[in-house]
């Protein structure tokens, strides 16, 4: 199950730095996770200081 970034995202970039498969990119106003690349490891959610990442 892939993860998604909610509107609570503060665009700090921590998720991008920690994603082992580079599935996260900057979107319109917040970062976005490419579900086709995401391996559901949860590293992004574990490291998000805004707790803006949740399972889809």
C-alpha atoms as a PDB file:
ATOM      1  CA  UNK A   1       0.000   0.000   0.000  1.00  0.00           C
ATOM      2  CA  UNK A   2       1.466   3.324  -1.056  1.00  0.00           C
ATOM      3  CA  UNK A   3       1.605   6.437   1.066  1.00  0.00           C
ATOM      4  CA  UNK A   4       0.171   9.888   0.350  1.00  0.00           C
ATOM      5  CA  UNK A   5       1.085  13.363   1.498  1.00  0.00           C
ATOM      6  CA  UNK A   6      -1.763  15.355   3.037  1.00  0.00           C
ATOM      7  CA  UNK A   7      -2.430  19.090   3.027  1.00  0.00           C
ATOM      8  CA  UNK A   8      -0.545  19.308   6.340  1.00  0.00           C
ATOM      9  CA  UNK A   9       2.687  19.203   4.283  1.00  0.00           C
ATOM     10  CA  UNK A  10       4.944  22.191   4.985  1.00  0.00           C
ATOM     11  CA  UNK A  11       7.224  21.470   1.987  1.00  0.00           C
ATOM     12  CA  UNK A  12      10.333  20.998   4.126  1.00  0.00           C
ATOM     13  CA  UNK A  13      11.767  18.276   1.861  1.00  0.00           C
ATOM     14  CA  UNK A  14      12.599  15.807   4.611  1.00  0.00           C
ATOM     15  CA  UNK A  15      10.582  13.091   2.871  1.00  0.00           C
ATOM     16  CA  UNK A  16      12.510  13.543  -0.381  1.00  0.00           C
ATOM     17  CA  UNK A  17      15.842  13.267   1.413  1.00  0.00           C
ATOM     18  CA  UNK A  18      14.802  10.030   3.136  1.00  0.00           C
ATOM     19  CA  UNK A  19      12.974   8.167   0.332  1.00  0.00           C
ATOM     20  CA  UNK A  20      15.178   5.202  -0.688  1.00  0.00           C
ATOM     21  CA  UNK A  21      13.531   4.818  -4.121  1.00  0.00           C
ATOM     22  CA  UNK A  22      13.142   8.516  -5.041  1.00  0.00           C
ATOM     23  CA  UNK A  23       9.339   8.230  -5.279  1.00  0.00           C
ATOM     24  CA  UNK A  24       8.706  11.741  -3.938  1.00  0.00           C
ATOM     25  CA  UNK A  25       8.825  14.933  -5.962  1.00  0.00           C
ATOM     26  CA  UNK A  26       7.767  18.530  -5.503  1.00  0.00           C
ATOM     27  CA  UNK A  27       4.191  19.087  -6.611  1.00  0.00           C
ATOM     28  CA  UNK A  28       1.837  22.040  -6.654  1.00  0.00           C
ATOM     29  CA  UNK A  29       2.072  23.475  -3.145  1.00  0.00           C
ATOM     30  CA  UNK A  30       3.224  20.237  -1.497  1.00  0.00           C
ATOM     31  CA  UNK A  31       5.292  17.172  -2.224  1.00  0.00           C
ATOM     32  CA  UNK A  32       3.751  14.167  -3.978  1.00  0.00           C
ATOM     33  CA  UNK A  33       4.455  10.436  -3.831  1.00  0.00           C
ATOM     34  CA  UNK A  34       4.439   8.424  -7.061  1.00  0.00           C
ATOM     35  CA  UNK A  35       2.441   5.334  -6.095  1.00  0.00           C
ATOM     36  CA  UNK A  36       3.962   3.340  -8.956  1.00  0.00           C
ATOM     37  CA  UNK A  37       7.454   3.787  -7.506  1.00  0.00           C
ATOM     38  CA  UNK A  38       6.635   3.760  -3.761  1.00  0.00           C
ATOM     39  CA  UNK A  39       7.634   0.513  -2.034  1.00  0.00           C
ATOM     40  CA  UNK A  40       5.563   1.268   1.088  1.00  0.00           C
ATOM     41  CA  UNK A  41       8.573   1.217   3.406  1.00  0.00           C
ATOM     42  CA  UNK A  42       7.185   4.051   5.565  1.00  0.00           C
ATOM     43  CA  UNK A  43      10.482   5.904   5.848  1.00  0.00           C
ATOM     44  CA  UNK A  44       8.876   9.122   4.630  1.00  0.00           C
ATOM     45  CA  UNK A  45       6.107   8.949   7.229  1.00  0.00           C
ATOM     46  CA  UNK A  46       8.556   8.051   9.998  1.00  0.00           C
ATOM     47  CA  UNK A  47      10.682  11.121   9.257  1.00  0.00           C
ATOM     48  CA  UNK A  48       8.000  13.719   8.447  1.00  0.00           C
ATOM     49  CA  UNK A  49       8.137  16.467  11.110  1.00  0.00           C
ATOM     50  CA  UNK A  50       4.611  17.643  10.210  1.00  0.00           C
ATOM     51  CA  UNK A  51       3.118  14.127  10.340  1.00  0.00           C
ATOM     52  CA  UNK A  52       1.675  14.863   6.888  1.00  0.00           C
ATOM     53  CA  UNK A  53       2.194  11.413   5.360  1.00  0.00           C
ATOM     54  CA  UNK A  54      -0.267   8.566   5.739  1.00  0.00           C
ATOM     55  CA  UNK A  55      -1.063   5.224   4.140  1.00  0.00           C
ATOM     56  CA  UNK A  56      -3.402   5.422   1.190  1.00  0.00           C
END
